[in-house]
N, C-alpha and C. Protein backbone atom coordinates (compact mmCIF):
# COMPACT_ATOMS: atom_id res chain seq x y z
N UNK A 1 -19.54 78.32 103.12
CA UNK A 1 -20.55 77.28 103.16
C UNK A 1 -19.97 76.03 102.52
N UNK A 2 -20.11 74.92 103.24
CA UNK A 2 -19.71 73.61 102.72
C UNK A 2 -20.76 72.61 103.16
N UNK A 3 -21.04 71.63 102.32
CA UNK A 3 -22.03 70.61 102.64
C UNK A 3 -21.38 69.25 102.51
N UNK A 4 -21.57 68.42 103.52
CA UNK A 4 -21.04 67.06 103.53
C UNK A 4 -22.22 66.10 103.59
N UNK A 5 -22.43 65.33 102.54
CA UNK A 5 -23.51 64.36 102.55
C UNK A 5 -22.96 62.93 102.56
N UNK A 6 -21.71 62.78 102.96
CA UNK A 6 -21.09 61.46 103.05
C UNK A 6 -21.49 60.83 104.38
N UNK A 7 -22.24 59.75 104.30
CA UNK A 7 -22.74 59.11 105.51
C UNK A 7 -22.93 57.63 105.25
N UNK A 8 -22.63 56.81 106.26
CA UNK A 8 -22.86 55.38 106.14
C UNK A 8 -24.33 55.03 106.31
N UNK A 9 -25.04 55.82 107.08
CA UNK A 9 -26.46 55.60 107.28
C UNK A 9 -26.74 54.53 108.33
N UNK A 10 -28.01 54.41 108.65
CA UNK A 10 -28.46 53.37 109.56
C UNK A 10 -29.93 53.09 109.28
N UNK A 11 -30.36 51.89 109.62
CA UNK A 11 -31.76 51.52 109.49
C UNK A 11 -32.35 51.52 110.89
N UNK A 12 -33.54 52.11 111.02
CA UNK A 12 -34.19 52.16 112.33
C UNK A 12 -35.70 52.07 112.14
N UNK A 13 -36.37 51.80 113.24
CA UNK A 13 -37.83 51.75 113.24
C UNK A 13 -38.37 52.82 114.17
N UNK A 14 -39.45 53.44 113.75
CA UNK A 14 -40.12 54.40 114.62
C UNK A 14 -41.26 53.74 115.40
N UNK A 15 -41.32 52.43 115.35
CA UNK A 15 -42.36 51.68 116.05
C UNK A 15 -43.42 51.12 115.12
N UNK A 16 -43.59 51.74 113.96
CA UNK A 16 -44.58 51.24 113.01
C UNK A 16 -44.03 51.06 111.60
N UNK A 17 -42.88 51.65 111.31
CA UNK A 17 -42.28 51.54 109.97
C UNK A 17 -40.76 51.61 110.12
N UNK A 18 -40.07 51.17 109.06
CA UNK A 18 -38.61 51.23 109.04
C UNK A 18 -38.15 52.32 108.08
N UNK A 19 -36.99 52.91 108.41
CA UNK A 19 -36.40 53.97 107.62
C UNK A 19 -34.90 53.77 107.54
N UNK A 20 -34.31 54.28 106.46
CA UNK A 20 -32.86 54.38 106.35
C UNK A 20 -32.51 55.84 106.56
N UNK A 21 -31.62 56.11 107.52
CA UNK A 21 -31.26 57.49 107.86
C UNK A 21 -29.87 57.81 107.34
N UNK A 22 -29.78 58.93 106.64
CA UNK A 22 -28.52 59.53 106.22
C UNK A 22 -28.43 60.91 106.87
N UNK A 23 -27.23 61.34 107.17
CA UNK A 23 -27.03 62.62 107.83
C UNK A 23 -26.33 63.57 106.87
N UNK A 24 -26.86 64.78 106.75
CA UNK A 24 -26.25 65.84 105.95
C UNK A 24 -25.69 66.87 106.92
N UNK A 25 -24.43 67.25 106.73
CA UNK A 25 -23.79 68.25 107.58
C UNK A 25 -23.53 69.49 106.76
N UNK A 26 -23.95 70.63 107.28
CA UNK A 26 -23.76 71.91 106.61
C UNK A 26 -22.83 72.76 107.49
N UNK A 27 -21.72 73.21 106.91
CA UNK A 27 -20.74 74.01 107.62
C UNK A 27 -20.87 75.47 107.19
N UNK A 28 -20.88 76.38 108.16
CA UNK A 28 -20.90 77.81 107.89
C UNK A 28 -19.73 78.44 108.65
N UNK A 29 -18.81 79.06 107.93
CA UNK A 29 -17.65 79.68 108.56
C UNK A 29 -17.50 81.11 108.08
N UNK A 30 -16.90 81.94 108.92
CA UNK A 30 -16.61 83.34 108.56
C UNK A 30 -15.29 83.75 109.19
N UNK A 31 -14.48 84.45 108.41
CA UNK A 31 -13.20 84.97 108.93
C UNK A 31 -13.45 86.21 109.77
N UNK A 32 -12.61 86.37 110.80
CA UNK A 32 -12.71 87.57 111.63
C UNK A 32 -11.30 88.07 111.94
N UNK A 33 -11.23 89.32 112.36
CA UNK A 33 -9.96 89.95 112.74
C UNK A 33 -9.59 89.46 114.14
N UNK A 34 -8.45 88.74 114.26
CA UNK A 34 -8.01 88.18 115.53
C UNK A 34 -7.86 89.23 116.63
N UNK A 35 -7.64 90.46 116.26
CA UNK A 35 -7.43 91.53 117.26
C UNK A 35 -8.74 92.18 117.69
N UNK A 36 -9.85 91.71 117.13
CA UNK A 36 -11.13 92.37 117.37
C UNK A 36 -12.17 91.32 117.78
N UNK A 37 -12.40 91.18 119.07
CA UNK A 37 -13.35 90.17 119.56
C UNK A 37 -14.79 90.50 119.18
N UNK A 38 -15.11 91.78 119.03
CA UNK A 38 -16.46 92.14 118.59
C UNK A 38 -16.69 91.65 117.17
N UNK A 39 -15.66 91.67 116.33
CA UNK A 39 -15.77 91.16 114.97
C UNK A 39 -16.05 89.65 115.01
N UNK A 40 -15.39 88.94 115.93
CA UNK A 40 -15.63 87.49 116.08
C UNK A 40 -17.08 87.24 116.48
N UNK A 41 -17.57 88.00 117.43
CA UNK A 41 -18.97 87.85 117.89
C UNK A 41 -19.94 88.15 116.75
N UNK A 42 -19.66 89.21 116.01
CA UNK A 42 -20.53 89.59 114.88
C UNK A 42 -20.56 88.49 113.82
N UNK A 43 -19.41 87.93 113.52
CA UNK A 43 -19.34 86.88 112.49
C UNK A 43 -20.03 85.60 112.96
N UNK A 44 -19.87 85.25 114.23
CA UNK A 44 -20.56 84.07 114.75
C UNK A 44 -22.07 84.30 114.73
N UNK A 45 -22.52 85.49 115.07
CA UNK A 45 -23.95 85.80 115.01
C UNK A 45 -24.48 85.73 113.58
N UNK A 46 -23.65 86.15 112.61
CA UNK A 46 -24.04 86.03 111.21
C UNK A 46 -24.24 84.55 110.84
N UNK A 47 -23.33 83.70 111.27
CA UNK A 47 -23.46 82.27 110.98
C UNK A 47 -24.70 81.69 111.66
N UNK A 48 -24.99 82.12 112.87
CA UNK A 48 -26.21 81.67 113.56
C UNK A 48 -27.46 82.08 112.78
N UNK A 49 -27.45 83.30 112.30
CA UNK A 49 -28.60 83.80 111.53
C UNK A 49 -28.77 83.01 110.23
N UNK A 50 -27.67 82.72 109.55
CA UNK A 50 -27.74 81.94 108.31
C UNK A 50 -28.25 80.53 108.58
N UNK A 51 -27.81 79.92 109.69
CA UNK A 51 -28.29 78.58 110.04
C UNK A 51 -29.80 78.60 110.21
N UNK A 52 -30.30 79.58 110.93
CA UNK A 52 -31.75 79.68 111.15
C UNK A 52 -32.50 79.90 109.84
N UNK A 53 -31.94 80.73 108.97
CA UNK A 53 -32.59 80.99 107.67
C UNK A 53 -32.63 79.74 106.81
N UNK A 54 -31.51 79.01 106.75
CA UNK A 54 -31.46 77.78 105.94
C UNK A 54 -32.45 76.76 106.49
N UNK A 55 -32.44 76.57 107.81
CA UNK A 55 -33.33 75.59 108.42
C UNK A 55 -34.80 75.96 108.19
N UNK A 56 -35.14 77.24 108.37
CA UNK A 56 -36.54 77.65 108.17
C UNK A 56 -36.96 77.50 106.71
N UNK A 57 -36.03 77.69 105.79
CA UNK A 57 -36.36 77.49 104.37
C UNK A 57 -36.62 76.03 104.08
N UNK A 58 -35.81 75.13 104.68
CA UNK A 58 -36.08 73.70 104.53
C UNK A 58 -37.46 73.35 105.07
N UNK A 59 -37.83 73.93 106.21
CA UNK A 59 -39.15 73.67 106.79
C UNK A 59 -40.25 74.10 105.82
N UNK A 60 -40.08 75.27 105.23
CA UNK A 60 -41.08 75.78 104.30
C UNK A 60 -41.17 74.93 103.04
N UNK A 61 -40.03 74.51 102.50
CA UNK A 61 -40.00 73.84 101.20
C UNK A 61 -40.10 72.32 101.27
N UNK A 62 -40.10 71.75 102.44
CA UNK A 62 -40.02 70.30 102.59
C UNK A 62 -41.10 69.55 101.82
N UNK A 63 -42.31 70.06 101.79
CA UNK A 63 -43.40 69.35 101.12
C UNK A 63 -43.57 69.74 99.66
N UNK A 64 -42.89 70.77 99.22
CA UNK A 64 -43.08 71.22 97.84
C UNK A 64 -41.91 70.87 96.92
N UNK A 65 -40.78 70.49 97.48
CA UNK A 65 -39.62 70.12 96.66
C UNK A 65 -39.35 68.63 96.87
N UNK A 66 -39.52 67.85 95.82
CA UNK A 66 -39.43 66.40 95.93
C UNK A 66 -38.07 65.94 96.46
N UNK A 67 -36.99 66.63 96.10
CA UNK A 67 -35.64 66.20 96.49
C UNK A 67 -35.40 66.26 98.00
N UNK A 68 -36.20 67.04 98.72
CA UNK A 68 -35.98 67.14 100.17
C UNK A 68 -37.20 66.66 100.97
N UNK A 69 -38.08 65.92 100.36
CA UNK A 69 -39.31 65.53 101.07
C UNK A 69 -39.05 64.62 102.26
N UNK A 70 -37.94 63.88 102.28
CA UNK A 70 -37.64 63.01 103.41
C UNK A 70 -36.70 63.67 104.42
N UNK A 71 -36.40 64.93 104.22
CA UNK A 71 -35.55 65.67 105.15
C UNK A 71 -36.30 65.86 106.47
N UNK A 72 -35.69 65.43 107.56
CA UNK A 72 -36.31 65.56 108.88
C UNK A 72 -35.94 66.92 109.45
N UNK A 73 -36.87 67.86 109.38
CA UNK A 73 -36.60 69.23 109.84
C UNK A 73 -37.10 69.46 111.27
N UNK A 74 -37.58 68.41 111.92
CA UNK A 74 -38.11 68.56 113.27
C UNK A 74 -37.03 68.70 114.33
N UNK A 75 -35.80 68.35 114.00
CA UNK A 75 -34.70 68.51 114.93
C UNK A 75 -33.41 68.72 114.15
N UNK A 76 -32.46 69.39 114.78
CA UNK A 76 -31.18 69.66 114.14
C UNK A 76 -30.11 69.78 115.21
N UNK A 77 -29.04 69.03 115.03
CA UNK A 77 -27.89 69.12 115.92
C UNK A 77 -26.96 70.19 115.36
N UNK A 78 -26.42 71.06 116.23
CA UNK A 78 -25.44 72.03 115.74
C UNK A 78 -24.34 72.23 116.77
N UNK A 79 -23.17 72.62 116.30
CA UNK A 79 -22.02 72.91 117.15
C UNK A 79 -21.36 74.18 116.65
N UNK A 80 -21.03 75.06 117.59
CA UNK A 80 -20.41 76.34 117.24
C UNK A 80 -18.91 76.29 117.52
N UNK A 81 -18.16 76.99 116.67
CA UNK A 81 -16.72 77.16 116.85
C UNK A 81 -16.47 78.60 117.28
N UNK A 82 -15.89 78.76 118.42
CA UNK A 82 -15.71 80.10 118.99
C UNK A 82 -14.63 80.90 118.30
N UNK A 83 -13.72 80.25 117.65
CA UNK A 83 -12.60 80.94 117.03
C UNK A 83 -11.28 80.42 117.56
N UNK A 84 -11.29 79.81 118.74
CA UNK A 84 -10.07 79.25 119.29
C UNK A 84 -9.64 77.98 118.54
N UNK A 85 -10.60 77.25 117.99
CA UNK A 85 -10.29 76.01 117.27
C UNK A 85 -9.73 76.27 115.87
N UNK A 86 -10.19 77.31 115.23
CA UNK A 86 -9.78 77.63 113.86
C UNK A 86 -9.23 79.04 113.85
N UNK A 87 -7.97 79.17 113.60
CA UNK A 87 -7.28 80.46 113.67
C UNK A 87 -7.92 81.48 112.72
N UNK A 88 -8.52 82.52 113.31
CA UNK A 88 -9.08 83.60 112.51
C UNK A 88 -10.39 83.27 111.84
N UNK A 89 -11.01 82.18 112.26
CA UNK A 89 -12.27 81.76 111.63
C UNK A 89 -13.23 81.31 112.71
N UNK A 90 -14.46 81.70 112.60
CA UNK A 90 -15.50 81.25 113.52
C UNK A 90 -16.64 80.69 112.69
N UNK A 91 -17.59 80.09 113.34
CA UNK A 91 -18.73 79.55 112.60
C UNK A 91 -19.35 78.39 113.33
N UNK A 92 -20.00 77.55 112.56
CA UNK A 92 -20.72 76.42 113.14
C UNK A 92 -20.98 75.39 112.06
N UNK A 93 -21.41 74.25 112.51
CA UNK A 93 -21.99 73.28 111.58
C UNK A 93 -23.29 72.78 112.17
N UNK A 94 -24.19 72.38 111.30
CA UNK A 94 -25.43 71.77 111.78
C UNK A 94 -25.75 70.56 110.91
N UNK A 95 -26.50 69.64 111.50
CA UNK A 95 -26.80 68.39 110.83
C UNK A 95 -28.30 68.17 110.76
N UNK A 96 -28.73 67.67 109.63
CA UNK A 96 -30.12 67.29 109.42
C UNK A 96 -30.15 65.85 108.93
N UNK A 97 -31.18 65.14 109.33
CA UNK A 97 -31.34 63.75 108.93
C UNK A 97 -32.24 63.65 107.72
N UNK A 98 -31.91 62.70 106.85
CA UNK A 98 -32.79 62.32 105.75
C UNK A 98 -33.27 60.92 106.08
N UNK A 99 -34.56 60.75 106.31
CA UNK A 99 -35.15 59.48 106.72
C UNK A 99 -36.01 58.94 105.59
N UNK A 100 -35.48 57.94 104.88
CA UNK A 100 -36.14 57.38 103.71
C UNK A 100 -36.87 56.10 104.11
N UNK A 101 -38.17 56.02 103.82
CA UNK A 101 -38.91 54.78 104.15
C UNK A 101 -38.24 53.57 103.50
N UNK A 102 -38.13 52.49 104.27
CA UNK A 102 -37.41 51.30 103.82
C UNK A 102 -38.25 50.06 104.10
N UNK A 103 -38.46 49.25 103.09
CA UNK A 103 -39.22 48.01 103.28
C UNK A 103 -38.31 46.97 103.92
N UNK A 104 -38.78 46.42 105.02
CA UNK A 104 -38.05 45.34 105.69
C UNK A 104 -38.89 44.07 105.69
N UNK A 105 -39.75 43.93 104.68
CA UNK A 105 -40.61 42.75 104.56
C UNK A 105 -39.76 41.52 104.27
N UNK A 106 -40.01 40.48 105.00
CA UNK A 106 -39.30 39.22 104.81
C UNK A 106 -39.79 38.55 103.55
N UNK A 107 -38.86 38.05 102.73
CA UNK A 107 -39.20 37.33 101.52
C UNK A 107 -38.52 35.97 101.58
N UNK A 108 -39.29 34.93 101.80
CA UNK A 108 -38.77 33.56 101.93
C UNK A 108 -38.05 33.10 100.68
N UNK A 109 -38.40 33.65 99.53
CA UNK A 109 -37.81 33.26 98.26
C UNK A 109 -36.34 33.68 98.16
N UNK A 110 -35.90 34.59 99.00
CA UNK A 110 -34.52 35.07 98.96
C UNK A 110 -33.57 34.15 99.73
N UNK A 111 -34.10 33.12 100.36
CA UNK A 111 -33.29 32.24 101.21
C UNK A 111 -33.27 30.82 100.66
N UNK A 112 -32.11 30.19 100.75
CA UNK A 112 -31.98 28.78 100.37
C UNK A 112 -32.27 27.93 101.58
N UNK A 113 -32.93 26.83 101.35
CA UNK A 113 -33.23 25.91 102.47
C UNK A 113 -32.03 25.11 102.84
């Protein structure tokens, strides 16, 4: 398990409010025996199960843990590694967005005439 929260972010509008979005990437990898394809399948299935468990826990805890209240759990991008990309290792990564409300109110006092 590795977590990457390094993101440049972006500001966007949902039509009624503005938000700053940061992306968190969670990597799940498992080693498998190169001579045993069933072991590769089993390990990839384990990573899939862990991804679902982590995501469902975020869904459950989103409103009760202040640190993740802006975590967007309504969608998640994920990519699987079959084992050909990483020698003897399979797994996946998935990404969740953190959407923080952002004031974009214009303040004339911030500008010089």
